[in-house]
Amino acid sequence: MNHIPASKYGKNKIADILLKYNYQIKIGDILAGQIVGIERKEILVDLGFRQTAYLPNNEILINLNQTLAIPKFNEFVIVSYNFQTHLTIISLRKLHAIRLWERFKQINYNNIILFTELQKKPIWGGKLVKFDELKSFIPNFHLPKFYRRKRTRNELLPVKVLEVKNRKHTIITSARLAFFKSYSPSLQTGVIQKGYVIGIKPFGIFLNIYGFRSLLHISEISDKRIKNINHFYKKGDQLTVKVIYINNSKGKIAVSLKKNQLSTSNNG
């Protein structure tokens, strides 16, 4: 890769300012520069330094390709700098992500559903999804089992924002809560639903209702004392239960199998 001195193309006002104030290159800085060359693998940009900066093809947004031409000015973010060789790598893609992040922080995301693309890249403990150029992490607990096993990418997946960490530009989301919200009209307190047993514990039974894990506590199975739930139920059994508790913020559902609960709802 040839290093072409920026001085070859003449100084501009931006370069004069950088020299006047003895600017020190820092990763993450956003600077304006002039496109001075277009090669097969990168675009050459004059930022007013000793050498031209390099904009690799993978750091160019596809929808901006047509606007990059000599001698156009644009803004770029510095993503890499070698103090020995003065090699500077810049990016339009990351600049776009930075501006998206600033806009995203201004959105009231508590009550909105984002439609994201499932990423193929494996990550421990969950999945990565992307909306525009912003990436988000979904912990496995907040991901339906079907998507935990799925390895395809570019599939739309609705998510609800759980937490935004400004320091590391990290967004934590939940697909389970997004699906939960879409089914909320059918999952209301007092509604009778059918569910399948997916797990049995000493303290109760877990049912699958609309794809959500719902708890049937041992105290809500019968008015009589039950010593061993496994004597009465097994995985795959279908039960008709009443929804007695819903936590929309955490996606938790509690149900009851007691006859008086079911009869009260039916009579209502």
Protein backbone atom coordinates (compact mmCIF):
# COMPACT_ATOMS: atom_id res chain seq x y z
CA MET A 1 0.00 0.00 0.00
CA ASN A 2 1.50 3.34 -1.06
CA HIS A 3 1.61 6.24 1.39
CA ILE A 4 0.87 9.44 -0.45
CA PRO A 5 1.75 12.72 1.31
CA ALA A 6 -1.30 14.89 1.83
CA SER A 7 0.77 17.95 0.88
CA LYS A 8 0.79 16.71 -2.69
CA TYR A 9 -2.81 17.83 -2.98
CA GLY A 10 -2.30 21.24 -1.35
CA LYS A 11 -3.44 22.51 2.04
CA ASN A 12 -7.00 23.43 2.87
CA LYS A 13 -8.51 25.47 5.67
CA ILE A 14 -9.04 22.39 7.84
CA ALA A 15 -5.37 21.44 7.54
CA ASP A 16 -4.34 24.99 8.47
CA ILE A 17 -6.42 24.80 11.65
CA LEU A 18 -4.98 21.40 12.58
CA LEU A 19 -1.43 22.68 12.15
CA LYS A 20 -2.10 25.93 14.01
CA TYR A 21 -3.34 24.17 17.13
CA ASN A 22 -0.86 21.26 16.89
CA TYR A 23 -3.67 18.71 16.67
CA GLN A 24 -2.84 15.24 18.07
CA ILE A 25 -4.61 12.38 16.31
CA LYS A 26 -7.02 10.46 18.57
CA ILE A 27 -9.11 7.40 17.80
CA GLY A 28 -12.79 8.30 17.78
CA ASP A 29 -12.30 11.88 16.58
CA ILE A 30 -14.56 13.05 13.78
CA LEU A 31 -12.81 15.14 11.12
CA ALA A 32 -13.69 16.58 7.74
CA GLY A 33 -11.55 15.48 4.81
CA GLN A 34 -11.30 15.69 1.05
CA ILE A 35 -11.37 12.62 -1.16
CA VAL A 36 -8.21 12.61 -3.26
CA GLY A 37 -8.08 9.12 -4.70
CA ILE A 38 -10.23 6.06 -5.30
CA GLU A 39 -8.58 2.65 -5.49
CA ARG A 40 -9.86 -0.90 -5.73
CA LYS A 41 -9.78 -1.69 -1.99
CA GLU A 42 -9.91 1.75 -0.40
CA ILE A 43 -10.53 5.45 -0.83
CA LEU A 44 -7.76 7.97 -0.11
CA VAL A 45 -8.72 10.99 1.98
CA ASP A 46 -6.76 14.13 2.81
CA LEU A 47 -7.36 15.07 6.45
CA GLY A 48 -4.51 17.56 6.56
CA PHE A 49 -1.97 15.13 8.07
CA ARG A 50 1.46 14.12 6.80
CA GLN A 51 -0.07 11.28 4.81
CA THR A 52 -3.43 10.49 3.33
CA ALA A 53 -5.91 8.55 5.41
CA TYR A 54 -7.39 5.28 4.18
CA LEU A 55 -11.09 4.46 4.01
CA PRO A 56 -11.33 0.66 3.44
CA ASN A 57 -14.23 -0.64 1.39
CA ASN A 58 -15.68 -2.48 4.40
CA GLU A 59 -15.93 0.86 6.24
CA ILE A 60 -18.06 2.45 3.51
CA LEU A 61 -21.83 2.47 3.79
CA ILE A 62 -23.34 0.96 0.65
CA ASN A 63 -25.96 3.70 0.36
CA LEU A 64 -23.18 6.32 0.36
CA ASN A 65 -20.98 4.82 -2.33
CA GLN A 66 -22.36 7.00 -5.10
CA THR A 67 -21.61 10.21 -3.18
CA LEU A 68 -17.88 9.48 -2.77
CA ALA A 69 -16.00 11.13 -5.58
CA ILE A 70 -12.96 13.35 -6.15
CA PRO A 71 -12.68 16.09 -4.83
CA LYS A 72 -15.70 15.77 -2.51
CA PHE A 73 -15.51 16.72 1.19
CA ASN A 74 -17.05 14.52 3.86
CA GLU A 75 -16.83 13.77 7.57
CA PHE A 76 -15.05 10.63 8.81
CA VAL A 77 -14.24 9.04 12.16
CA ILE A 78 -10.71 7.85 12.97
CA VAL A 79 -10.73 4.15 13.91
CA SER A 80 -7.00 3.35 13.84
CA TYR A 81 -3.70 5.25 13.88
CA ASN A 82 -0.10 4.01 13.85
CA PHE A 83 2.23 6.55 15.50
CA GLN A 84 5.30 5.06 13.83
CA THR A 85 4.07 4.85 10.25
CA HIS A 86 1.39 7.55 10.60
CA LEU A 87 -1.04 5.17 8.88
CA THR A 88 -4.58 6.43 9.56
CA ILE A 89 -7.70 4.30 9.01
CA ILE A 90 -11.05 6.09 8.90
CA SER A 91 -14.65 4.96 8.65
CA LEU A 92 -18.02 6.14 7.41
CA ARG A 93 -19.82 3.08 8.75
CA LYS A 94 -18.78 3.72 12.35
CA LEU A 95 -19.55 7.42 11.99
CA HIS A 96 -23.05 6.49 10.91
CA ALA A 97 -23.35 4.19 13.96
CA ILE A 98 -22.18 6.99 16.29
CA ARG A 99 -24.85 9.33 14.98
CA LEU A 100 -27.48 6.61 15.17
CA TRP A 101 -26.52 6.05 18.81
CA GLU A 102 -26.94 9.73 19.62
CA ARG A 103 -30.41 9.72 18.04
CA PHE A 104 -31.31 6.45 19.72
CA LYS A 105 -30.58 7.87 23.18
CA GLN A 106 -33.20 10.57 22.55
CA ILE A 107 -35.95 8.05 21.79
CA ASN A 108 -38.42 6.94 24.44
CA TYR A 109 -37.73 3.27 23.81
CA ASN A 110 -39.58 1.92 26.87
CA ASN A 111 -42.82 1.26 25.00
CA ILE A 112 -41.64 0.51 21.47
CA ILE A 113 -40.83 -2.71 19.64
CA LEU A 114 -37.74 -2.75 17.41
CA PHE A 115 -37.54 -5.11 14.45
CA THR A 116 -33.97 -6.38 14.27
CA GLU A 117 -31.90 -8.75 12.14
CA LEU A 118 -30.61 -11.91 13.77
CA GLN A 119 -26.82 -12.14 13.38
CA LYS A 120 -25.01 -15.38 12.57
CA LYS A 121 -21.94 -14.57 14.67
CA PRO A 122 -21.97 -16.84 17.77
CA ILE A 123 -21.74 -15.21 21.19
CA TRP A 124 -21.74 -16.81 24.61
CA GLY A 125 -24.94 -16.47 26.63
CA GLY A 126 -27.22 -15.09 23.96
CA LYS A 127 -27.58 -13.70 20.44
CA LEU A 128 -26.57 -10.56 18.62
CA VAL A 129 -29.16 -8.66 16.59
CA LYS A 130 -28.79 -5.50 14.51
CA PHE A 131 -31.10 -2.65 13.61
CA ASP A 132 -29.57 -0.34 11.03
CA GLU A 133 -25.90 -0.14 12.14
CA LEU A 134 -26.60 -0.54 15.87
CA LYS A 135 -26.05 -3.95 17.46
CA SER A 136 -27.90 -5.32 20.46
CA PHE A 137 -27.46 -8.31 22.74
CA ILE A 138 -30.30 -10.65 23.75
CA PRO A 139 -29.55 -12.89 26.77
CA ASN A 140 -30.69 -16.49 26.31
CA PHE A 141 -33.25 -16.07 29.09
CA HIS A 142 -34.95 -13.40 26.96
CA LEU A 143 -34.83 -15.47 23.79
CA PRO A 144 -37.38 -18.16 22.83
CA LYS A 145 -35.76 -21.60 22.55
CA PHE A 146 -36.44 -21.72 18.81
CA TYR A 147 -34.14 -18.74 18.24
CA ARG A 148 -31.46 -20.02 20.62
CA ARG A 149 -30.88 -22.93 18.28
CA LYS A 150 -31.30 -20.97 15.05
CA ARG A 151 -28.10 -20.10 13.18
CA THR A 152 -29.42 -18.29 10.14
CA ARG A 153 -28.96 -14.55 9.82
CA ASN A 154 -30.92 -11.58 8.45
CA GLU A 155 -34.18 -12.88 9.87
CA LEU A 156 -36.39 -10.22 11.43
CA LEU A 157 -36.81 -10.57 15.17
CA PRO A 158 -38.91 -8.16 17.28
CA VAL A 159 -37.25 -7.03 20.51
CA LYS A 160 -38.01 -4.77 23.45
CA VAL A 161 -35.23 -2.63 24.96
CA LEU A 162 -34.32 -3.59 28.53
CA GLU A 163 -31.26 -1.47 29.23
CA VAL A 164 -28.99 1.04 27.50
CA LYS A 165 -25.40 1.44 28.71
CA ASN A 166 -23.99 4.71 27.42
CA ARG A 167 -20.41 4.02 28.44
CA LYS A 168 -19.91 1.04 26.12
CA HIS A 169 -22.69 1.80 23.65
CA THR A 170 -24.39 -1.42 24.73
CA ILE A 171 -28.07 -2.18 24.21
CA ILE A 172 -29.67 -5.12 26.04
CA THR A 173 -32.97 -6.31 24.56
CA SER A 174 -35.58 -9.02 25.00
CA ALA A 175 -37.35 -10.95 22.25
CA ARG A 176 -39.47 -12.74 24.84
CA LEU A 177 -40.98 -9.50 26.13
CA ALA A 178 -41.62 -8.30 22.58
CA PHE A 179 -43.57 -11.48 21.81
CA PHE A 180 -45.22 -11.20 25.21
CA LYS A 181 -46.49 -7.73 24.38
CA SER A 182 -47.92 -8.88 21.05
CA TYR A 183 -49.90 -11.64 22.82
CA SER A 184 -50.92 -9.45 25.78
CA PRO A 185 -54.57 -9.07 24.62
CA SER A 186 -54.95 -12.87 24.94
CA LEU A 187 -53.00 -13.07 28.20
CA GLN A 188 -54.99 -11.16 30.77
CA THR A 189 -55.77 -11.92 34.38
CA GLY A 190 -58.88 -14.08 34.64
CA VAL A 191 -58.61 -15.60 31.16
CA ILE A 192 -58.87 -19.40 30.79
CA GLN A 193 -56.10 -20.90 28.67
CA LYS A 194 -54.79 -24.32 27.69
CA GLY A 195 -51.14 -25.10 28.23
CA TYR A 196 -48.74 -28.02 27.92
CA VAL A 197 -46.52 -29.25 30.73
CA ILE A 198 -42.88 -28.53 29.88
CA GLY A 199 -41.29 -28.99 33.29
CA ILE A 200 -42.05 -30.35 36.75
CA LYS A 201 -40.39 -29.13 39.93
CA PRO A 202 -41.07 -29.87 43.62
CA PHE A 203 -42.66 -26.42 43.97
CA GLY A 204 -44.87 -26.55 40.87
CA ILE A 205 -45.32 -27.09 37.15
CA PHE A 206 -44.16 -25.02 34.20
CA LEU A 207 -46.60 -24.77 31.31
CA ASN A 208 -46.14 -23.57 27.75
CA ILE A 209 -48.86 -21.02 26.96
CA TYR A 210 -48.47 -19.23 23.62
CA GLY A 211 -44.77 -20.07 23.80
CA PHE A 212 -44.32 -18.49 27.25
CA ARG A 213 -43.24 -20.38 30.33
CA SER A 214 -46.02 -20.06 32.90
CA LEU A 215 -45.85 -21.21 36.52
CA LEU A 216 -48.52 -23.36 38.08
CA HIS A 217 -47.46 -23.32 41.73
CA ILE A 218 -48.15 -26.42 43.80
CA SER A 219 -50.49 -24.39 46.02
CA GLU A 220 -52.63 -23.58 42.94
CA ILE A 221 -53.07 -27.17 41.76
CA SER A 222 -55.57 -28.38 44.33
CA ASP A 223 -57.08 -27.49 47.69
CA LYS A 224 -55.75 -30.82 48.91
CA ARG A 225 -52.12 -31.24 49.89
CA ILE A 226 -49.95 -32.79 47.17
CA LYS A 227 -46.81 -34.63 48.22
CA ASN A 228 -45.40 -35.56 44.83
CA ILE A 229 -46.52 -33.74 41.66
CA ASN A 230 -44.91 -36.40 39.45
CA HIS A 231 -47.55 -38.91 40.58
CA PHE A 232 -50.23 -36.85 38.83
CA TYR A 233 -48.61 -35.09 35.89
CA LYS A 234 -45.92 -35.62 33.26
CA LYS A 235 -44.34 -33.63 30.44
CA GLY A 236 -46.67 -33.18 27.48
CA ASP A 237 -49.89 -33.21 29.50
CA GLN A 238 -52.42 -30.57 28.47
CA LEU A 239 -54.04 -28.59 31.29
CA THR A 240 -56.79 -25.99 31.32
CA VAL A 241 -55.81 -23.23 33.71
CA LYS A 242 -56.75 -19.70 34.72
CA VAL A 243 -54.32 -16.79 34.47
CA ILE A 244 -54.07 -15.25 37.96
CA TYR A 245 -50.97 -13.06 37.67
CA ILE A 246 -49.09 -11.27 34.89
CA ASN A 247 -45.91 -9.21 35.15
CA ASN A 248 -45.62 -7.31 31.87
CA SER A 249 -42.20 -5.82 32.64
CA LYS A 250 -40.62 -9.23 33.32
CA GLY A 251 -42.85 -11.44 31.16
CA LYS A 252 -43.90 -13.68 34.05
CA ILE A 253 -47.21 -15.55 34.17
CA ALA A 254 -48.80 -17.44 37.05
CA VAL A 255 -51.81 -19.72 36.59
CA SER A 256 -54.18 -21.78 38.71
CA LEU A 257 -55.76 -25.21 38.30
CA LYS A 258 -58.04 -25.03 41.34
CA LYS A 259 -61.64 -25.87 40.55
CA ASN A 260 -63.00 -22.85 42.42
CA GLN A 261 -60.80 -20.55 40.32
CA LEU A 262 -61.95 -22.12 37.05
CA SER A 263 -65.61 -22.22 38.05
CA THR A 264 -65.53 -18.57 39.13
CA SER A 265 -64.22 -17.54 35.74
CA ASN A 266 -66.71 -19.72 33.86
CA ASN A 267 -69.62 -18.36 35.87
CA GLY A 268 -68.38 -14.80 35.30
